[in-house]
Amino acid sequence: YLYKPEIERIVYADWMRIPAARPALSAGI
């Protein structure tokens, strides 16, 4: 658990990284 961020980036690599940074839609939308 001390390495939570690093483990998540490995396990959820395809889900956490988005193809390109772009303006985010509003939270409501």
PDB file of all heavy atoms in Angstrom:
ATOM      1  N   TYR A   1       0.823  -1.219   0.000  1.00  0.00           N
ATOM      2  CA  TYR A   1       0.000   0.000   0.000  1.00  0.00           C
ATOM      3  C   TYR A   1       0.851   1.260   0.000  1.00  0.00           C
ATOM      4  O   TYR A   1       0.407   2.311  -0.465  1.00  0.00           O
ATOM      5  CB  TYR A   1      -0.950   0.006   1.202  1.00  0.00           C
ATOM      6  CG  TYR A   1      -2.132   0.923   0.981  1.00  0.00           C
ATOM      7  CD1 TYR A   1      -3.185   0.534   0.157  1.00  0.00           C
ATOM      8  CD2 TYR A   1      -2.186   2.182   1.561  1.00  0.00           C
ATOM      9  CE1 TYR A   1      -4.250   1.365  -0.082  1.00  0.00           C
ATOM     10  CE2 TYR A   1      -3.257   3.026   1.343  1.00  0.00           C
ATOM     11  CZ  TYR A   1      -4.283   2.615   0.517  1.00  0.00           C
ATOM     12  OH  TYR A   1      -5.334   3.461   0.277  1.00  0.00           O
ATOM     13  N   LEU A   2       2.081   1.169   0.505  1.00  0.00           N
ATOM     14  CA  LEU A   2       2.974   2.323   0.442  1.00  0.00           C
ATOM     15  C   LEU A   2       3.215   2.755  -1.001  1.00  0.00           C
ATOM     16  O   LEU A   2       3.474   3.934  -1.275  1.00  0.00           O
ATOM     17  CB  LEU A   2       4.317   1.981   1.110  1.00  0.00           C
ATOM     18  CG  LEU A   2       4.344   1.916   2.635  1.00  0.00           C
ATOM     19  CD1 LEU A   2       5.681   1.367   3.104  1.00  0.00           C
ATOM     20  CD2 LEU A   2       4.091   3.291   3.255  1.00  0.00           C
ATOM     21  N   TYR A   3       3.113   1.807  -1.919  1.00  0.00           N
ATOM     22  CA  TYR A   3       3.384   2.087  -3.331  1.00  0.00           C
ATOM     23  C   TYR A   3       2.111   2.049  -4.160  1.00  0.00           C
ATOM     24  O   TYR A   3       2.104   1.617  -5.310  1.00  0.00           O
ATOM     25  CB  TYR A   3       4.453   1.119  -3.851  1.00  0.00           C
ATOM     26  CG  TYR A   3       5.806   1.435  -3.256  1.00  0.00           C
ATOM     27  CD1 TYR A   3       6.182   0.893  -2.036  1.00  0.00           C
ATOM     28  CD2 TYR A   3       6.663   2.341  -3.867  1.00  0.00           C
ATOM     29  CE1 TYR A   3       7.398   1.220  -1.451  1.00  0.00           C
ATOM     30  CE2 TYR A   3       7.878   2.676  -3.301  1.00  0.00           C
ATOM     31  CZ  TYR A   3       8.241   2.111  -2.092  1.00  0.00           C
ATOM     32  OH  TYR A   3       9.442   2.452  -1.511  1.00  0.00           O
ATOM     33  N   LYS A   4       1.043   2.525  -3.568  1.00  0.00           N
ATOM     34  CA  LYS A   4      -0.264   2.570  -4.224  1.00  0.00           C
ATOM     35  C   LYS A   4      -0.227   3.267  -5.581  1.00  0.00           C
ATOM     36  O   LYS A   4      -0.705   2.723  -6.581  1.00  0.00           O
ATOM     37  CB  LYS A   4      -1.268   3.249  -3.292  1.00  0.00           C
ATOM     38  CG  LYS A   4      -2.668   3.452  -3.869  1.00  0.00           C
ATOM     39  CD  LYS A   4      -3.580   4.084  -2.803  1.00  0.00           C
ATOM     40  CE  LYS A   4      -5.004   4.280  -3.330  1.00  0.00           C
ATOM     41  NZ  LYS A   4      -5.094   5.400  -4.264  1.00  0.00           N
ATOM     42  N   PRO A   5       0.325   4.490  -5.699  1.00  0.00           N
ATOM     43  CA  PRO A   5       0.308   5.154  -7.016  1.00  0.00           C
ATOM     44  C   PRO A   5       1.037   4.364  -8.091  1.00  0.00           C
ATOM     45  O   PRO A   5       0.542   4.243  -9.217  1.00  0.00           O
ATOM     46  CB  PRO A   5       0.992   6.505  -6.738  1.00  0.00           C
ATOM     47  CG  PRO A   5       0.860   6.723  -5.267  1.00  0.00           C
ATOM     48  CD  PRO A   5       0.924   5.360  -4.663  1.00  0.00           C
ATOM     49  N   GLU A   6       2.207   3.829  -7.735  1.00  0.00           N
ATOM     50  CA  GLU A   6       2.996   3.098  -8.728  1.00  0.00           C
ATOM     51  C   GLU A   6       2.299   1.809  -9.161  1.00  0.00           C
ATOM     52  O   GLU A   6       2.298   1.455 -10.348  1.00  0.00           O
ATOM     53  CB  GLU A   6       4.383   2.781  -8.153  1.00  0.00           C
ATOM     54  CG  GLU A   6       5.292   3.987  -7.987  1.00  0.00           C
ATOM     55  CD  GLU A   6       5.037   4.783  -6.717  1.00  0.00           C
ATOM     56  OE1 GLU A   6       4.103   4.428  -5.969  1.00  0.00           O
ATOM     57  OE2 GLU A   6       5.762   5.757  -6.475  1.00  0.00           O
ATOM     58  N   ILE A   7       1.717   1.092  -8.212  1.00  0.00           N
ATOM     59  CA  ILE A   7       1.036  -0.165  -8.554  1.00  0.00           C
ATOM     60  C   ILE A   7      -0.183   0.110  -9.423  1.00  0.00           C
ATOM     61  O   ILE A   7      -0.445  -0.611 -10.399  1.00  0.00           O
ATOM     62  CB  ILE A   7       0.650  -0.916  -7.268  1.00  0.00           C
ATOM     63  CG1 ILE A   7       1.910  -1.388  -6.542  1.00  0.00           C
ATOM     64  CG2 ILE A   7      -0.260  -2.108  -7.590  1.00  0.00           C
ATOM     65  CD1 ILE A   7       1.655  -2.018  -5.193  1.00  0.00           C
ATOM     66  N   GLU A   8      -0.936   1.151  -9.096  1.00  0.00           N
ATOM     67  CA  GLU A   8      -2.107   1.484  -9.905  1.00  0.00           C
ATOM     68  C   GLU A   8      -1.713   1.848 -11.329  1.00  0.00           C
ATOM     69  O   GLU A   8      -2.404   1.476 -12.291  1.00  0.00           O
ATOM     70  CB  GLU A   8      -2.882   2.633  -9.265  1.00  0.00           C
ATOM     71  CG  GLU A   8      -3.671   2.233  -8.031  1.00  0.00           C
ATOM     72  CD  GLU A   8      -4.544   3.348  -7.501  1.00  0.00           C
ATOM     73  OE1 GLU A   8      -4.164   4.533  -7.690  1.00  0.00           O
ATOM     74  OE2 GLU A   8      -5.578   3.066  -6.888  1.00  0.00           O
ATOM     75  N   ARG A   9      -0.606   2.558 -11.480  1.00  0.00           N
ATOM     76  CA  ARG A   9      -0.181   2.938 -12.834  1.00  0.00           C
ATOM     77  C   ARG A   9       0.224   1.722 -13.656  1.00  0.00           C
ATOM     78  O   ARG A   9       0.126   1.737 -14.886  1.00  0.00           O
ATOM     79  CB  ARG A   9       0.982   3.930 -12.760  1.00  0.00           C
ATOM     80  CG  ARG A   9       0.577   5.308 -12.242  1.00  0.00           C
ATOM     81  CD  ARG A   9       1.681   6.328 -12.423  1.00  0.00           C
ATOM     82  NE  ARG A   9       1.353   7.568 -11.750  1.00  0.00           N
ATOM     83  CZ  ARG A   9       1.850   7.936 -10.574  1.00  0.00           C
ATOM     84  NH1 ARG A   9       2.733   7.155  -9.965  1.00  0.00           N
ATOM     85  NH2 ARG A   9       1.502   9.076 -10.019  1.00  0.00           N
ATOM     86  N   ILE A  10       0.683   0.671 -13.005  1.00  0.00           N
ATOM     87  CA  ILE A  10       1.038  -0.557 -13.712  1.00  0.00           C
ATOM     88  C   ILE A  10      -0.215  -1.365 -14.047  1.00  0.00           C
ATOM     89  O   ILE A  10      -0.426  -1.782 -15.196  1.00  0.00           O
ATOM     90  CB  ILE A  10       2.020  -1.404 -12.866  1.00  0.00           C
ATOM     91  CG1 ILE A  10       3.352  -0.676 -12.706  1.00  0.00           C
ATOM     92  CG2 ILE A  10       2.230  -2.773 -13.510  1.00  0.00           C
ATOM     93  CD1 ILE A  10       4.312  -1.342 -11.730  1.00  0.00           C
ATOM     94  N   VAL A  11      -1.067  -1.583 -13.047  1.00  0.00           N
ATOM     95  CA  VAL A  11      -2.242  -2.434 -13.226  1.00  0.00           C
ATOM     96  C   VAL A  11      -3.255  -1.787 -14.162  1.00  0.00           C
ATOM     97  O   VAL A  11      -3.860  -2.449 -15.016  1.00  0.00           O
ATOM     98  CB  VAL A  11      -2.887  -2.748 -11.865  1.00  0.00           C
ATOM     99  CG1 VAL A  11      -4.186  -3.535 -12.047  1.00  0.00           C
ATOM    100  CG2 VAL A  11      -1.918  -3.538 -10.982  1.00  0.00           C
ATOM    101  N   TYR A  12      -3.440  -0.468 -14.012  1.00  0.00           N
ATOM    102  CA  TYR A  12      -4.458   0.229 -14.807  1.00  0.00           C
ATOM    103  C   TYR A  12      -3.830   1.156 -15.850  1.00  0.00           C
ATOM    104  O   TYR A  12      -4.345   2.228 -16.137  1.00  0.00           O
ATOM    105  CB  TYR A  12      -5.377   1.040 -13.882  1.00  0.00           C
ATOM    106  CG  TYR A  12      -6.082   0.201 -12.848  1.00  0.00           C
ATOM    107  CD1 TYR A  12      -5.877   0.418 -11.492  1.00  0.00           C
ATOM    108  CD2 TYR A  12      -6.939  -0.833 -13.218  1.00  0.00           C
ATOM    109  CE1 TYR A  12      -6.521  -0.352 -10.528  1.00  0.00           C
ATOM    110  CE2 TYR A  12      -7.581  -1.621 -12.275  1.00  0.00           C
ATOM    111  CZ  TYR A  12      -7.370  -1.370 -10.931  1.00  0.00           C
ATOM    112  OH  TYR A  12      -8.003  -2.149  -9.991  1.00  0.00           O
ATOM    113  N   ALA A  13      -2.720   0.709 -16.406  1.00  0.00           N
ATOM    114  CA  ALA A  13      -1.987   1.559 -17.363  1.00  0.00           C
ATOM    115  C   ALA A  13      -2.872   1.998 -18.523  1.00  0.00           C
ATOM    116  O   ALA A  13      -2.850   3.171 -18.929  1.00  0.00           O
ATOM    117  CB  ALA A  13      -0.764   0.806 -17.879  1.00  0.00           C
ATOM    118  N   ASP A  14      -3.667   1.083 -19.073  1.00  0.00           N
ATOM    119  CA  ASP A  14      -4.503   1.422 -20.224  1.00  0.00           C
ATOM    120  C   ASP A  14      -5.715   2.265 -19.845  1.00  0.00           C
ATOM    121  O   ASP A  14      -6.308   2.914 -20.715  1.00  0.00           O
ATOM    122  CB  ASP A  14      -4.984   0.138 -20.913  1.00  0.00           C
ATOM    123  CG  ASP A  14      -3.837  -0.649 -21.517  1.00  0.00           C
ATOM    124  OD1 ASP A  14      -2.806  -0.023 -21.833  1.00  0.00           O
ATOM    125  OD2 ASP A  14      -3.970  -1.875 -21.667  1.00  0.00           O
ATOM    126  N   TRP A  15      -6.100   2.249 -18.588  1.00  0.00           N
ATOM    127  CA  TRP A  15      -7.276   2.993 -18.153  1.00  0.00           C
ATOM    128  C   TRP A  15      -6.923   4.354 -17.559  1.00  0.00           C
ATOM    129  O   TRP A  15      -7.739   5.274 -17.601  1.00  0.00           O
ATOM    130  CB  TRP A  15      -8.050   2.186 -17.101  1.00  0.00           C
ATOM    131  CG  TRP A  15      -8.640   0.912 -17.612  1.00  0.00           C
ATOM    132  CD1 TRP A  15      -8.658   0.465 -18.906  1.00  0.00           C
ATOM    133  CD2 TRP A  15      -9.282  -0.092 -16.833  1.00  0.00           C
ATOM    134  NE1 TRP A  15      -9.282  -0.752 -18.996  1.00  0.00           N
ATOM    135  CE2 TRP A  15      -9.683  -1.122 -17.740  1.00  0.00           C
ATOM    136  CE3 TRP A  15      -9.578  -0.239 -15.487  1.00  0.00           C
ATOM    137  CZ2 TRP A  15     -10.351  -2.275 -17.302  1.00  0.00           C
ATOM    138  CZ3 TRP A  15     -10.241  -1.384 -15.055  1.00  0.00           C
ATOM    139  CH2 TRP A  15     -10.627  -2.386 -15.955  1.00  0.00           C
ATOM    140  N   MET A  16      -5.721   4.468 -17.007  1.00  0.00           N
ATOM    141  CA  MET A  16      -5.355   5.718 -16.332  1.00  0.00           C
ATOM    142  C   MET A  16      -4.799   6.764 -17.279  1.00  0.00           C
ATOM    143  O   MET A  16      -5.008   7.958 -17.086  1.00  0.00           O
ATOM    144  CB  MET A  16      -4.345   5.442 -15.216  1.00  0.00           C
ATOM    145  CG  MET A  16      -4.949   4.772 -13.992  1.00  0.00           C
ATOM    146  SD  MET A  16      -3.752   4.590 -12.641  1.00  0.00           S
ATOM    147  CE  MET A  16      -3.399   6.304 -12.241  1.00  0.00           C
ATOM    148  N   ARG A  17      -4.073   6.307 -18.284  1.00  0.00           N
ATOM    149  CA  ARG A  17      -3.462   7.260 -19.214  1.00  0.00           C
ATOM    150  C   ARG A  17      -4.401   7.502 -20.389  1.00  0.00           C
ATOM    151  O   ARG A  17      -4.817   6.556 -21.071  1.00  0.00           O
ATOM    152  CB  ARG A  17      -2.112   6.731 -19.710  1.00  0.00           C
ATOM    153  CG  ARG A  17      -1.019   6.775 -18.664  1.00  0.00           C
ATOM    154  CD  ARG A  17       0.347   6.541 -19.284  1.00  0.00           C
ATOM    155  NE  ARG A  17       0.513   5.151 -19.733  1.00  0.00           N
ATOM    156  CZ  ARG A  17       1.052   4.189 -19.002  1.00  0.00           C
ATOM    157  NH1 ARG A  17       1.473   4.447 -17.786  1.00  0.00           N
ATOM    158  NH2 ARG A  17       1.186   2.968 -19.474  1.00  0.00           N
ATOM    159  N   ILE A  18      -4.699   8.767 -20.647  1.00  0.00           N
ATOM    160  CA  ILE A  18      -5.558   9.100 -21.778  1.00  0.00           C
ATOM    161  C   ILE A  18      -4.674   9.428 -22.980  1.00  0.00           C
ATOM    162  O   ILE A  18      -3.525   9.845 -22.820  1.00  0.00           O
ATOM    163  CB  ILE A  18      -6.494  10.280 -21.435  1.00  0.00           C
ATOM    164  CG1 ILE A  18      -5.707  11.491 -20.949  1.00  0.00           C
ATOM    165  CG2 ILE A  18      -7.500   9.856 -20.374  1.00  0.00           C
ATOM    166  CD1 ILE A  18      -6.592  12.689 -20.622  1.00  0.00           C
ATOM    167  N   PRO A  19      -5.179   9.232 -24.195  1.00  0.00           N
ATOM    168  CA  PRO A  19      -4.345   9.390 -25.400  1.00  0.00           C
ATOM    169  C   PRO A  19      -3.669  10.750 -25.507  1.00  0.00           C
ATOM    170  O   PRO A  19      -2.506  10.845 -25.873  1.00  0.00           O
ATOM    171  CB  PRO A  19      -5.346   9.176 -26.544  1.00  0.00           C
ATOM    172  CG  PRO A  19      -6.439   8.357 -25.939  1.00  0.00           C
ATOM    173  CD  PRO A  19      -6.550   8.791 -24.516  1.00  0.00           C
ATOM    174  N   ALA A  20      -4.397  11.812 -25.199  1.00  0.00           N
ATOM    175  CA  ALA A  20      -3.818  13.153 -25.308  1.00  0.00           C
ATOM    176  C   ALA A  20      -4.558  14.080 -24.363  1.00  0.00           C
ATOM    177  O   ALA A  20      -5.775  13.960 -24.182  1.00  0.00           O
ATOM    178  CB  ALA A  20      -3.924  13.676 -26.739  1.00  0.00           C
ATOM    179  N   ALA A  21      -3.799  14.973 -23.735  1.00  0.00           N
ATOM    180  CA  ALA A  21      -4.422  15.936 -22.827  1.00  0.00           C
ATOM    181  C   ALA A  21      -5.272  16.901 -23.642  1.00  0.00           C
ATOM    182  O   ALA A  21      -4.808  17.489 -24.616  1.00  0.00           O
ATOM    183  CB  ALA A  21      -3.340  16.688 -22.054  1.00  0.00           C
ATOM    184  N   ARG A  22      -6.510  17.061 -23.274  1.00  0.00           N
ATOM    185  CA  ARG A  22      -7.412  17.985 -23.941  1.00  0.00           C
ATOM    186  C   ARG A  22      -8.362  18.559 -22.900  1.00  0.00           C
ATOM    187  O   ARG A  22      -8.479  18.013 -21.800  1.00  0.00           O
ATOM    188  CB  ARG A  22      -8.191  17.274 -25.048  1.00  0.00           C
ATOM    189  CG  ARG A  22      -8.839  15.970 -24.619  1.00  0.00           C
ATOM    190  CD  ARG A  22      -9.511  15.267 -25.774  1.00  0.00           C
ATOM    191  NE  ARG A  22      -9.897  13.907 -25.433  1.00  0.00           N
ATOM    192  CZ  ARG A  22     -10.609  13.134 -26.231  1.00  0.00           C
ATOM    193  NH1 ARG A  22     -11.017  13.589 -27.404  1.00  0.00           N
ATOM    194  NH2 ARG A  22     -10.915  11.904 -25.864  1.00  0.00           N
ATOM    195  N   PRO A  23      -9.036  19.638 -23.236  1.00  0.00           N
ATOM    196  CA  PRO A  23      -9.935  20.249 -22.247  1.00  0.00           C
ATOM    197  C   PRO A  23     -10.954  19.240 -21.736  1.00  0.00           C
ATOM    198  O   PRO A  23     -11.564  18.499 -22.512  1.00  0.00           O
ATOM    199  CB  PRO A  23     -10.596  21.383 -23.034  1.00  0.00           C
ATOM    200  CG  PRO A  23      -9.629  21.704 -24.122  1.00  0.00           C
ATOM    201  CD  PRO A  23      -8.983  20.404 -24.494  1.00  0.00           C
ATOM    202  N   ALA A  24     -11.122  19.217 -20.417  1.00  0.00           N
ATOM    203  CA  ALA A  24     -12.061  18.279 -19.806  1.00  0.00           C
ATOM    204  C   ALA A  24     -13.475  18.837 -19.873  1.00  0.00           C
ATOM    205  O   ALA A  24     -13.700  20.044 -19.736  1.00  0.00           O
ATOM    206  CB  ALA A  24     -11.672  18.027 -18.352  1.00  0.00           C
ATOM    207  N   LEU A  25     -14.414  17.945 -20.104  1.00  0.00           N
ATOM    208  CA  LEU A  25     -15.820  18.328 -20.009  1.00  0.00           C
ATOM    209  C   LEU A  25     -16.153  18.597 -18.545  1.00  0.00           C
ATOM    210  O   LEU A  25     -15.410  18.212 -17.638  1.00  0.00           O
ATOM    211  CB  LEU A  25     -16.713  17.211 -20.550  1.00  0.00           C
ATOM    212  CG  LEU A  25     -16.525  16.842 -22.030  1.00  0.00           C
ATOM    213  CD1 LEU A  25     -17.377  15.619 -22.371  1.00  0.00           C
ATOM    214  CD2 LEU A  25     -16.882  18.022 -22.924  1.00  0.00           C
ATOM    215  N   SER A  26     -17.262  19.249 -18.309  1.00  0.00           N
ATOM    216  CA  SER A  26     -17.650  19.525 -16.930  1.00  0.00           C
ATOM    217  C   SER A  26     -18.003  18.228 -16.211  1.00  0.00           C
ATOM    218  O   SER A  26     -18.372  17.225 -16.841  1.00  0.00           O
ATOM    219  CB  SER A  26     -18.842  20.480 -16.899  1.00  0.00           C
ATOM    220  OG  SER A  26     -20.013  19.815 -17.355  1.00  0.00           O
ATOM    221  N   ALA A  27     -17.898  18.253 -14.886  1.00  0.00           N
ATOM    222  CA  ALA A  27     -18.196  17.066 -14.092  1.00  0.00           C
ATOM    223  C   ALA A  27     -19.634  16.621 -14.291  1.00  0.00           C
ATOM    224  O   ALA A  27     -19.914  15.411 -14.346  1.00  0.00           O
ATOM    225  CB  ALA A  27     -17.927  17.351 -12.614  1.00  0.00           C
ATOM    226  N   GLY A  28     -20.542  17.577 -14.412  1.00  0.00           N
ATOM    227  CA  GLY A  28     -21.948  17.234 -14.601  1.00  0.00           C
ATOM    228  C   GLY A  28     -22.198  16.503 -15.907  1.00  0.00           C
ATOM    229  O   GLY A  28     -22.923  15.497 -15.944  1.00  0.00           O
ATOM    230  N   ILE A  29     -21.593  16.989 -16.999  1.00  0.00           N
ATOM    231  CA  ILE A  29     -21.758  16.332 -18.300  1.00  0.00           C
ATOM    232  C   ILE A  29     -21.136  14.947 -18.282  1.00  0.00           C
ATOM    233  O   ILE A  29     -21.709  13.967 -18.778  1.00  0.00           O
ATOM    234  CB  ILE A  29     -21.132  17.197 -19.421  1.00  0.00           C
ATOM    235  CG1 ILE A  29     -21.932  18.489 -19.597  1.00  0.00           C
ATOM    236  CG2 ILE A  29     -21.066  16.420 -20.728  1.00  0.00           C
ATOM    237  CD1 ILE A  29     -21.325  19.460 -20.600  1.00  0.00           C
TER     238      ILE A  29
END
